Each structure stands twice: as structure tokens, then as C-alpha cells.
Amino acid sequence: MNIQKWRLQRGWSQQQLAELSGLSARTIQRIENGHPASAESLKSLASVFEIDFASLNSEQDTMATIQIPLQTQAQEDERLALAHVRRLRRFYIHLAQYVLVISLLMVINLATNAGTLWFVWPALGWGIGVLGHAAAVFEFMPFFGAQWERRQVEKRLGRPL
């Protein structure tokens, strides 16, 4: 049973509980929203509710262990999204460099020796690299993508797929 349920069972508002416990109403709100409470705050609440501090403290520890995986999952999702955006940005920079340099080489080639189109060879070589970069960023290849990596990790750890 959490603090909010105990408070509501007694018909108290957050302000009334704050006055009885000697805590601020904002502290009561934070604790009820799942934020960790100090030992002093928990002792004050335990005395107001006339319960053992150890049971209230163990409930607080249980709530913390439930919320930590949720926070770490959200942080992991955010980290993965940020990494993907960075890969995407690097690809667009690579593509812009390719277009700029090949255009410059084309102008130089046509201005100096229009009979031999040598700029095509660096364009083809570097173009293959740009296509490979695009395939990696946009996961065109069905293997070696994020799903493939996940399956390989699960396989390596011996977990069912």
C-alpha cells in the first residue's frame, strides 16, 4: 500500500498530511509520484500513519526498483534514437561532400580536357562508397542490420529468439 492510498483512506488532503507530518506539500506530491524520499521524511510519514518505518522503507525500495528499469529503458531508447540521427547526419554530410567534389572534378575535367571524361572513375568509386553508407544507415540490407544484431546477441546469450 502506498502513501497516497493511506492518505486517501484517512480522508486527508496532501496539505493536511504535510501539516501532520511536518513536511511540505510539494514533498508529499513528489513521494506520491514515485520520487525517492529521505529517511527523515519516511520516519515522519510512518509516525503519522502509525506504522513501522521498516515497512514503509521497504515499500520505498520496491517502488525504486520498479521505476529504475522503466527509466533505463527510456534512456536506452533515447540513446539509440540519438545514435541513429547522428549516423543519418554523417551520411548526409558524406553525400554533400560527394556531390560537391565530383561536381568540382567534372568542371575541372571539362575545362581542361573535354575529350577524356576521367571524372567518371572517381565518381563511380566514391559512389559505391556512398551507396554502401546509405545501405548501412537506412538498413537496405536484410542482414547486418539492427534486427540481425539483436538476433545474434540473443543467440550468443542462449536466450530464445
N, C-alpha and C. Protein backbone atom coordinates (compact mmCIF):
# COMPACT_ATOMS: atom_id res chain seq x y z
N MET A 1 0.85 -1.17 0.00
CA MET A 1 0.00 0.00 0.00
C MET A 1 0.90 1.24 0.00
N ASN A 2 0.59 2.20 -0.82
CA ASN A 2 1.47 3.37 -0.88
C ASN A 2 0.90 4.53 -0.06
N ILE A 3 1.67 5.57 0.02
CA ILE A 3 1.33 6.71 0.87
C ILE A 3 0.04 7.38 0.42
N GLN A 4 -0.14 7.49 -0.88
CA GLN A 4 -1.36 8.13 -1.38
C GLN A 4 -2.60 7.33 -0.95
N LYS A 5 -2.54 6.01 -1.01
CA LYS A 5 -3.69 5.19 -0.59
C LYS A 5 -3.95 5.35 0.90
N TRP A 6 -2.89 5.36 1.72
CA TRP A 6 -3.07 5.56 3.16
C TRP A 6 -3.67 6.92 3.44
N ARG A 7 -3.20 7.92 2.72
CA ARG A 7 -3.72 9.28 2.91
C ARG A 7 -5.21 9.34 2.54
N LEU A 8 -5.57 8.74 1.41
CA LEU A 8 -6.96 8.77 0.96
C LEU A 8 -7.87 7.94 1.85
N GLN A 9 -7.37 6.84 2.42
CA GLN A 9 -8.16 6.04 3.35
C GLN A 9 -8.56 6.85 4.58
N ARG A 10 -7.69 7.73 4.99
CA ARG A 10 -7.98 8.57 6.15
C ARG A 10 -8.74 9.84 5.77
N GLY A 11 -8.91 10.07 4.46
CA GLY A 11 -9.65 11.24 4.01
C GLY A 11 -8.87 12.54 4.13
N TRP A 12 -7.54 12.46 4.09
CA TRP A 12 -6.70 13.64 4.23
C TRP A 12 -6.31 14.18 2.86
N SER A 13 -6.16 15.47 2.78
CA SER A 13 -5.59 16.08 1.58
C SER A 13 -4.07 16.04 1.70
N GLN A 14 -3.38 16.34 0.63
CA GLN A 14 -1.92 16.39 0.68
C GLN A 14 -1.47 17.48 1.65
N GLN A 15 -2.18 18.58 1.67
CA GLN A 15 -1.83 19.68 2.59
C GLN A 15 -2.00 19.24 4.04
N GLN A 16 -3.09 18.52 4.34
CA GLN A 16 -3.30 18.05 5.71
C GLN A 16 -2.21 17.08 6.13
N LEU A 17 -1.83 16.16 5.24
CA LEU A 17 -0.76 15.22 5.55
C LEU A 17 0.56 15.96 5.75
N ALA A 18 0.79 16.98 4.95
CA ALA A 18 2.01 17.77 5.09
C ALA A 18 2.06 18.44 6.46
N GLU A 19 0.93 19.00 6.89
CA GLU A 19 0.89 19.67 8.19
C GLU A 19 1.08 18.67 9.34
N LEU A 20 0.46 17.50 9.23
CA LEU A 20 0.59 16.50 10.29
C LEU A 20 1.99 15.92 10.39
N SER A 21 2.65 15.79 9.23
CA SER A 21 3.97 15.16 9.21
C SER A 21 5.11 16.16 9.35
N GLY A 22 4.82 17.43 9.16
CA GLY A 22 5.87 18.44 9.22
C GLY A 22 6.66 18.55 7.93
N LEU A 23 6.14 17.97 6.86
CA LEU A 23 6.79 18.06 5.55
C LEU A 23 6.05 19.09 4.71
N SER A 24 6.64 19.45 3.60
CA SER A 24 5.95 20.39 2.71
C SER A 24 4.98 19.61 1.82
N ALA A 25 3.99 20.31 1.30
CA ALA A 25 3.03 19.68 0.40
C ALA A 25 3.72 19.21 -0.87
N ARG A 26 4.73 19.95 -1.30
CA ARG A 26 5.48 19.56 -2.50
C ARG A 26 6.23 18.24 -2.28
N THR A 27 6.76 18.05 -1.07
CA THR A 27 7.44 16.79 -0.75
C THR A 27 6.46 15.63 -0.79
N ILE A 28 5.26 15.84 -0.26
CA ILE A 28 4.22 14.80 -0.30
C ILE A 28 3.88 14.47 -1.76
N GLN A 29 3.75 15.50 -2.59
CA GLN A 29 3.45 15.27 -4.01
C GLN A 29 4.54 14.45 -4.68
N ARG A 30 5.78 14.80 -4.41
CA ARG A 30 6.90 14.07 -5.02
C ARG A 30 6.92 12.61 -4.59
N ILE A 31 6.72 12.37 -3.31
CA ILE A 31 6.73 10.99 -2.81
C ILE A 31 5.59 10.20 -3.43
N GLU A 32 4.42 10.80 -3.54
CA GLU A 32 3.28 10.10 -4.13
C GLU A 32 3.47 9.85 -5.62
N ASN A 33 4.27 10.69 -6.27
CA ASN A 33 4.56 10.48 -7.70
C ASN A 33 5.70 9.50 -7.92
N GLY A 34 6.23 8.91 -6.86
CA GLY A 34 7.23 7.87 -7.01
C GLY A 34 8.67 8.32 -6.86
N HIS A 35 8.89 9.58 -6.53
CA HIS A 35 10.26 10.03 -6.32
C HIS A 35 10.76 9.50 -4.98
N PRO A 36 12.04 9.23 -4.86
CA PRO A 36 12.56 8.69 -3.59
C PRO A 36 12.45 9.71 -2.47
N ALA A 37 12.20 9.19 -1.28
CA ALA A 37 12.07 10.05 -0.11
C ALA A 37 13.25 9.81 0.82
N SER A 38 13.62 10.83 1.57
CA SER A 38 14.70 10.69 2.54
C SER A 38 14.21 9.86 3.72
N ALA A 39 15.15 9.38 4.50
CA ALA A 39 14.80 8.58 5.67
C ALA A 39 14.00 9.41 6.67
N GLU A 40 14.35 10.68 6.81
CA GLU A 40 13.63 11.55 7.74
C GLU A 40 12.18 11.74 7.31
N SER A 41 11.97 11.91 6.00
CA SER A 41 10.60 12.07 5.50
C SER A 41 9.80 10.80 5.74
N LEU A 42 10.43 9.65 5.49
CA LEU A 42 9.73 8.38 5.71
C LEU A 42 9.42 8.17 7.19
N LYS A 43 10.32 8.56 8.06
CA LYS A 43 10.06 8.43 9.50
C LYS A 43 8.89 9.30 9.92
N SER A 44 8.83 10.52 9.37
CA SER A 44 7.72 11.41 9.70
C SER A 44 6.39 10.83 9.23
N LEU A 45 6.39 10.29 8.03
CA LEU A 45 5.16 9.69 7.49
C LEU A 45 4.78 8.44 8.26
N ALA A 46 5.77 7.64 8.64
CA ALA A 46 5.48 6.41 9.40
C ALA A 46 4.85 6.76 10.74
N SER A 47 5.32 7.82 11.38
CA SER A 47 4.73 8.18 12.68
C SER A 47 3.31 8.72 12.51
N VAL A 48 3.05 9.46 11.43
CA VAL A 48 1.71 9.98 11.19
C VAL A 48 0.73 8.84 10.92
N PHE A 49 1.16 7.86 10.10
CA PHE A 49 0.28 6.74 9.75
C PHE A 49 0.30 5.64 10.82
N GLU A 50 1.16 5.81 11.84
CA GLU A 50 1.29 4.85 12.93
C GLU A 50 1.63 3.46 12.40
N ILE A 51 2.64 3.41 11.55
CA ILE A 51 3.13 2.15 11.01
C ILE A 51 4.63 2.07 11.26
N ASP A 52 5.17 0.88 11.05
CA ASP A 52 6.60 0.66 11.25
C ASP A 52 7.40 1.31 10.12
N PHE A 53 8.47 2.01 10.48
CA PHE A 53 9.33 2.67 9.49
C PHE A 53 9.92 1.65 8.51
N ALA A 54 10.26 0.47 8.98
CA ALA A 54 10.89 -0.54 8.13
C ALA A 54 9.96 -0.96 7.00
N SER A 55 8.67 -1.09 7.28
CA SER A 55 7.73 -1.49 6.22
C SER A 55 7.57 -0.37 5.20
N LEU A 56 7.56 0.85 5.66
CA LEU A 56 7.46 1.98 4.75
C LEU A 56 8.73 2.12 3.90
N ASN A 57 9.88 1.89 4.52
CA ASN A 57 11.16 1.98 3.81
C ASN A 57 11.29 0.86 2.78
N SER A 58 10.83 -0.35 3.11
CA SER A 58 10.92 -1.46 2.15
C SER A 58 9.98 -1.21 0.97
N GLU A 59 8.83 -0.58 1.22
CA GLU A 59 7.92 -0.22 0.13
C GLU A 59 8.59 0.80 -0.80
N GLN A 60 9.31 1.75 -0.21
CA GLN A 60 10.01 2.77 -1.00
C GLN A 60 11.07 2.10 -1.86
N ASP A 61 11.80 1.12 -1.32
CA ASP A 61 12.82 0.40 -2.08
C ASP A 61 12.19 -0.38 -3.23
N THR A 62 11.03 -0.98 -2.98
CA THR A 62 10.34 -1.73 -4.02
C THR A 62 9.91 -0.81 -5.15
N MET A 63 9.39 0.36 -4.81
CA MET A 63 8.97 1.32 -5.83
C MET A 63 10.17 1.77 -6.66
N ALA A 64 11.30 1.96 -6.01
CA ALA A 64 12.51 2.40 -6.73
C ALA A 64 12.98 1.34 -7.70
N THR A 65 12.92 0.07 -7.30
CA THR A 65 13.38 -1.00 -8.20
C THR A 65 12.43 -1.18 -9.37
N ILE A 66 11.16 -0.86 -9.19
CA ILE A 66 10.21 -0.94 -10.29
C ILE A 66 10.45 0.17 -11.29
N GLN A 67 10.77 1.38 -10.81
CA GLN A 67 10.92 2.53 -11.69
C GLN A 67 12.26 2.57 -12.40
N ILE A 68 13.30 2.00 -11.84
CA ILE A 68 14.62 2.05 -12.47
C ILE A 68 14.63 1.39 -13.83
N PRO A 69 14.08 0.18 -14.01
CA PRO A 69 14.09 -0.40 -15.35
C PRO A 69 13.33 0.44 -16.36
N LEU A 70 12.24 1.08 -15.95
CA LEU A 70 11.49 1.92 -16.88
C LEU A 70 12.33 3.11 -17.32
N GLN A 71 13.06 3.72 -16.39
CA GLN A 71 13.90 4.85 -16.73
C GLN A 71 15.05 4.42 -17.62
N THR A 72 15.66 3.29 -17.30
CA THR A 72 16.80 2.85 -18.12
C THR A 72 16.33 2.47 -19.52
N GLN A 73 15.14 1.91 -19.66
CA GLN A 73 14.64 1.57 -20.99
C GLN A 73 14.38 2.84 -21.79
N ALA A 74 13.80 3.85 -21.17
CA ALA A 74 13.57 5.11 -21.86
C ALA A 74 14.90 5.76 -22.24
N GLN A 75 15.86 5.70 -21.34
CA GLN A 75 17.17 6.27 -21.64
C GLN A 75 17.84 5.50 -22.78
N GLU A 76 17.69 4.18 -22.79
CA GLU A 76 18.28 3.37 -23.86
C GLU A 76 17.62 3.68 -25.20
N ASP A 77 16.30 3.83 -25.20
CA ASP A 77 15.60 4.19 -26.44
C ASP A 77 16.05 5.55 -26.95
N GLU A 78 16.21 6.49 -26.03
CA GLU A 78 16.67 7.83 -26.41
C GLU A 78 18.10 7.77 -26.96
N ARG A 79 18.95 6.97 -26.34
CA ARG A 79 20.33 6.83 -26.80
C ARG A 79 20.38 6.23 -28.20
N LEU A 80 19.56 5.20 -28.44
CA LEU A 80 19.52 4.57 -29.77
C LEU A 80 19.01 5.54 -30.83
N ALA A 81 17.98 6.31 -30.50
CA ALA A 81 17.44 7.28 -31.45
C ALA A 81 18.47 8.36 -31.76
N LEU A 82 19.17 8.81 -30.75
CA LEU A 82 20.20 9.83 -30.95
C LEU A 82 21.34 9.28 -31.81
N ALA A 83 21.73 8.05 -31.58
CA ALA A 83 22.79 7.43 -32.38
C ALA A 83 22.36 7.31 -33.84
N HIS A 84 21.09 6.97 -34.08
CA HIS A 84 20.60 6.85 -35.45
C HIS A 84 20.61 8.22 -36.14
N VAL A 85 20.18 9.25 -35.43
CA VAL A 85 20.17 10.60 -36.01
C VAL A 85 21.59 11.04 -36.34
N ARG A 86 22.54 10.70 -35.48
CA ARG A 86 23.93 11.05 -35.77
C ARG A 86 24.45 10.32 -37.00
N ARG A 87 24.11 9.04 -37.15
CA ARG A 87 24.51 8.29 -38.36
C ARG A 87 23.88 8.90 -39.60
N LEU A 88 22.64 9.31 -39.48
CA LEU A 88 21.94 9.94 -40.60
C LEU A 88 22.60 11.27 -40.98
N ARG A 89 22.96 12.06 -39.98
CA ARG A 89 23.63 13.33 -40.24
C ARG A 89 24.97 13.10 -40.93
N ARG A 90 25.74 12.11 -40.46
CA ARG A 90 27.03 11.82 -41.09
C ARG A 90 26.85 11.37 -42.54
N PHE A 91 25.78 10.62 -42.82
CA PHE A 91 25.53 10.20 -44.20
C PHE A 91 25.23 11.41 -45.08
N TYR A 92 24.39 12.32 -44.62
CA TYR A 92 24.06 13.49 -45.42
C TYR A 92 25.29 14.38 -45.66
N ILE A 93 26.16 14.48 -44.68
CA ILE A 93 27.41 15.21 -44.87
C ILE A 93 28.26 14.51 -45.92
N HIS A 94 28.35 13.20 -45.84
CA HIS A 94 29.10 12.41 -46.81
C HIS A 94 28.54 12.61 -48.22
N LEU A 95 27.23 12.58 -48.35
CA LEU A 95 26.58 12.76 -49.64
C LEU A 95 26.85 14.16 -50.20
N ALA A 96 26.77 15.16 -49.35
CA ALA A 96 27.04 16.54 -49.80
C ALA A 96 28.50 16.69 -50.25
N GLN A 97 29.41 16.08 -49.52
CA GLN A 97 30.82 16.12 -49.92
C GLN A 97 31.01 15.45 -51.29
N TYR A 98 30.36 14.33 -51.47
CA TYR A 98 30.45 13.60 -52.73
C TYR A 98 29.98 14.47 -53.89
N VAL A 99 28.80 15.05 -53.75
CA VAL A 99 28.24 15.88 -54.82
C VAL A 99 29.14 17.08 -55.10
N LEU A 100 29.62 17.73 -54.07
CA LEU A 100 30.48 18.90 -54.24
C LEU A 100 31.80 18.56 -54.93
N VAL A 101 32.48 17.54 -54.44
CA VAL A 101 33.79 17.18 -55.00
C VAL A 101 33.65 16.64 -56.42
N ILE A 102 32.69 15.79 -56.68
CA ILE A 102 32.53 15.23 -58.03
C ILE A 102 32.13 16.33 -59.01
N SER A 103 31.29 17.27 -58.56
CA SER A 103 30.95 18.40 -59.43
C SER A 103 32.19 19.23 -59.75
N LEU A 104 33.01 19.47 -58.78
CA LEU A 104 34.25 20.22 -58.99
C LEU A 104 35.18 19.47 -59.95
N LEU A 105 35.31 18.17 -59.75
CA LEU A 105 36.14 17.36 -60.66
C LEU A 105 35.58 17.38 -62.08
N MET A 106 34.26 17.36 -62.22
CA MET A 106 33.65 17.40 -63.54
C MET A 106 33.96 18.72 -64.23
N VAL A 107 33.84 19.81 -63.49
CA VAL A 107 34.14 21.13 -64.07
C VAL A 107 35.61 21.20 -64.48
N ILE A 108 36.50 20.72 -63.62
CA ILE A 108 37.93 20.72 -63.97
C ILE A 108 38.19 19.87 -65.20
N ASN A 109 37.59 18.68 -65.25
CA ASN A 109 37.78 17.77 -66.39
C ASN A 109 37.27 18.40 -67.68
N LEU A 110 36.07 18.96 -67.64
CA LEU A 110 35.51 19.54 -68.86
C LEU A 110 36.24 20.80 -69.28
N ALA A 111 36.79 21.53 -68.33
CA ALA A 111 37.52 22.76 -68.66
C ALA A 111 38.91 22.45 -69.23
N THR A 112 39.54 21.40 -68.78
CA THR A 112 40.92 21.11 -69.20
C THR A 112 40.99 20.11 -70.35
N ASN A 113 40.21 19.06 -70.31
CA ASN A 113 40.31 18.01 -71.32
C ASN A 113 38.93 17.39 -71.53
N ALA A 114 38.11 18.01 -72.32
CA ALA A 114 36.73 17.57 -72.52
C ALA A 114 36.66 16.26 -73.31
N GLY A 115 37.74 15.90 -74.01
CA GLY A 115 37.73 14.68 -74.82
C GLY A 115 37.77 13.42 -73.97
N THR A 116 38.40 13.46 -72.81
CA THR A 116 38.50 12.30 -71.92
C THR A 116 37.75 12.60 -70.63
N LEU A 117 36.75 11.82 -70.36
CA LEU A 117 35.93 12.04 -69.16
C LEU A 117 36.47 11.19 -68.00
N TRP A 118 37.57 11.63 -67.41
CA TRP A 118 38.20 10.87 -66.33
C TRP A 118 37.49 11.03 -64.99
N PHE A 119 36.66 12.08 -64.83
CA PHE A 119 35.98 12.30 -63.54
C PHE A 119 34.97 11.18 -63.24
N VAL A 120 34.59 10.41 -64.28
CA VAL A 120 33.62 9.33 -64.09
C VAL A 120 34.18 8.26 -63.15
N TRP A 121 35.48 8.00 -63.22
CA TRP A 121 36.07 6.93 -62.41
C TRP A 121 36.04 7.25 -60.92
N PRO A 122 36.46 8.44 -60.49
CA PRO A 122 36.30 8.73 -59.05
C PRO A 122 34.82 8.79 -58.64
N ALA A 123 33.96 9.25 -59.59
CA ALA A 123 32.52 9.30 -59.28
C ALA A 123 31.98 7.90 -59.04
N LEU A 124 32.40 6.93 -59.85
CA LEU A 124 31.93 5.56 -59.67
C LEU A 124 32.48 4.94 -58.38
N GLY A 125 33.78 5.12 -58.15
CA GLY A 125 34.39 4.53 -56.95
C GLY A 125 33.79 5.09 -55.67
N TRP A 126 33.75 6.41 -55.60
CA TRP A 126 33.22 7.05 -54.41
C TRP A 126 31.72 6.82 -54.31
N GLY A 127 31.02 6.74 -55.46
CA GLY A 127 29.59 6.49 -55.47
C GLY A 127 29.24 5.14 -54.85
N ILE A 128 30.09 4.15 -55.09
CA ILE A 128 29.87 2.83 -54.46
C ILE A 128 29.98 2.97 -52.94
N GLY A 129 30.95 3.78 -52.49
CA GLY A 129 31.08 4.02 -51.05
C GLY A 129 29.87 4.72 -50.46
N VAL A 130 29.33 5.69 -51.19
CA VAL A 130 28.14 6.41 -50.72
C VAL A 130 26.94 5.47 -50.66
N LEU A 131 26.80 4.60 -51.66
CA LEU A 131 25.70 3.62 -51.65
C LEU A 131 25.84 2.66 -50.48
N GLY A 132 27.06 2.23 -50.19
CA GLY A 132 27.27 1.37 -49.03
C GLY A 132 26.93 2.06 -47.73
N HIS A 133 27.30 3.33 -47.65
CA HIS A 133 26.97 4.12 -46.46
C HIS A 133 25.45 4.25 -46.32
N ALA A 134 24.75 4.51 -47.43
CA ALA A 134 23.29 4.62 -47.41
C ALA A 134 22.65 3.30 -46.99
N ALA A 135 23.19 2.20 -47.51
CA ALA A 135 22.64 0.88 -47.15
C ALA A 135 22.79 0.62 -45.66
N ALA A 136 23.91 1.04 -45.09
CA ALA A 136 24.11 0.84 -43.65
C ALA A 136 23.19 1.72 -42.82
N VAL A 137 23.05 2.98 -43.21
CA VAL A 137 22.23 3.92 -42.42
C VAL A 137 20.74 3.60 -42.54
N PHE A 138 20.28 3.35 -43.76
CA PHE A 138 18.85 3.11 -43.98
C PHE A 138 18.48 1.65 -43.91
N GLU A 139 19.44 0.79 -43.60
CA GLU A 139 19.24 -0.65 -43.42
C GLU A 139 18.55 -1.29 -44.63
N PHE A 140 19.13 -1.05 -45.83
CA PHE A 140 18.62 -1.67 -47.04
C PHE A 140 18.89 -3.16 -47.06
N MET A 141 20.01 -3.56 -46.46
CA MET A 141 20.39 -4.97 -46.46
C MET A 141 19.59 -5.70 -45.39
N PRO A 142 19.01 -6.85 -45.70
CA PRO A 142 18.22 -7.56 -44.69
C PRO A 142 19.09 -8.16 -43.58
N PHE A 143 20.36 -8.33 -43.84
CA PHE A 143 21.26 -8.85 -42.82
C PHE A 143 22.22 -7.73 -42.41
N PHE A 144 22.81 -7.90 -41.27
CA PHE A 144 23.73 -6.93 -40.70
C PHE A 144 23.04 -5.65 -40.23
N GLY A 145 21.74 -5.65 -40.08
CA GLY A 145 21.01 -4.50 -39.54
C GLY A 145 20.79 -4.67 -38.05
N ALA A 146 19.97 -3.81 -37.49
CA ALA A 146 19.70 -3.83 -36.05
C ALA A 146 19.01 -5.13 -35.63
N GLN A 147 18.07 -5.60 -36.44
CA GLN A 147 17.37 -6.84 -36.10
C GLN A 147 18.34 -8.03 -36.12
N TRP A 148 19.22 -8.06 -37.11
CA TRP A 148 20.21 -9.13 -37.20
C TRP A 148 21.11 -9.11 -35.97
N GLU A 149 21.57 -7.91 -35.58
CA GLU A 149 22.42 -7.78 -34.40
C GLU A 149 21.70 -8.29 -33.16
N ARG A 150 20.44 -7.91 -33.01
CA ARG A 150 19.67 -8.33 -31.85
C ARG A 150 19.53 -9.86 -31.80
N ARG A 151 19.25 -10.47 -32.96
CA ARG A 151 19.14 -11.93 -33.01
C ARG A 151 20.46 -12.60 -32.66
N GLN A 152 21.56 -12.04 -33.13
CA GLN A 152 22.86 -12.63 -32.85
C GLN A 152 23.21 -12.53 -31.36
N VAL A 153 22.88 -11.40 -30.74
CA VAL A 153 23.14 -11.24 -29.31
C VAL A 153 22.30 -12.23 -28.51
N GLU A 154 21.02 -12.35 -28.85
CA GLU A 154 20.15 -13.29 -28.15
C GLU A 154 20.65 -14.73 -28.34
N LYS A 155 21.10 -15.04 -29.53
CA LYS A 155 21.63 -16.37 -29.82
C LYS A 155 22.88 -16.62 -28.99
N ARG A 156 23.75 -15.63 -28.92
CA ARG A 156 25.01 -15.76 -28.18
C ARG A 156 24.76 -15.93 -26.69
N LEU A 157 23.73 -15.24 -26.17
CA LEU A 157 23.39 -15.34 -24.75
C LEU A 157 22.56 -16.57 -24.42
N GLY A 158 22.15 -17.31 -25.44
CA GLY A 158 21.38 -18.53 -25.24
C GLY A 158 19.92 -18.29 -24.90
N ARG A 159 19.42 -17.14 -25.25
CA ARG A 159 18.02 -16.81 -24.99
C ARG A 159 17.17 -17.22 -26.19
N PRO A 160 15.91 -17.54 -25.97
CA PRO A 160 15.05 -17.88 -27.09
C PRO A 160 14.80 -16.65 -27.97
N LEU A 161 14.71 -16.88 -29.25
CA LEU A 161 14.54 -15.76 -30.21
C LEU A 161 13.11 -15.30 -30.28
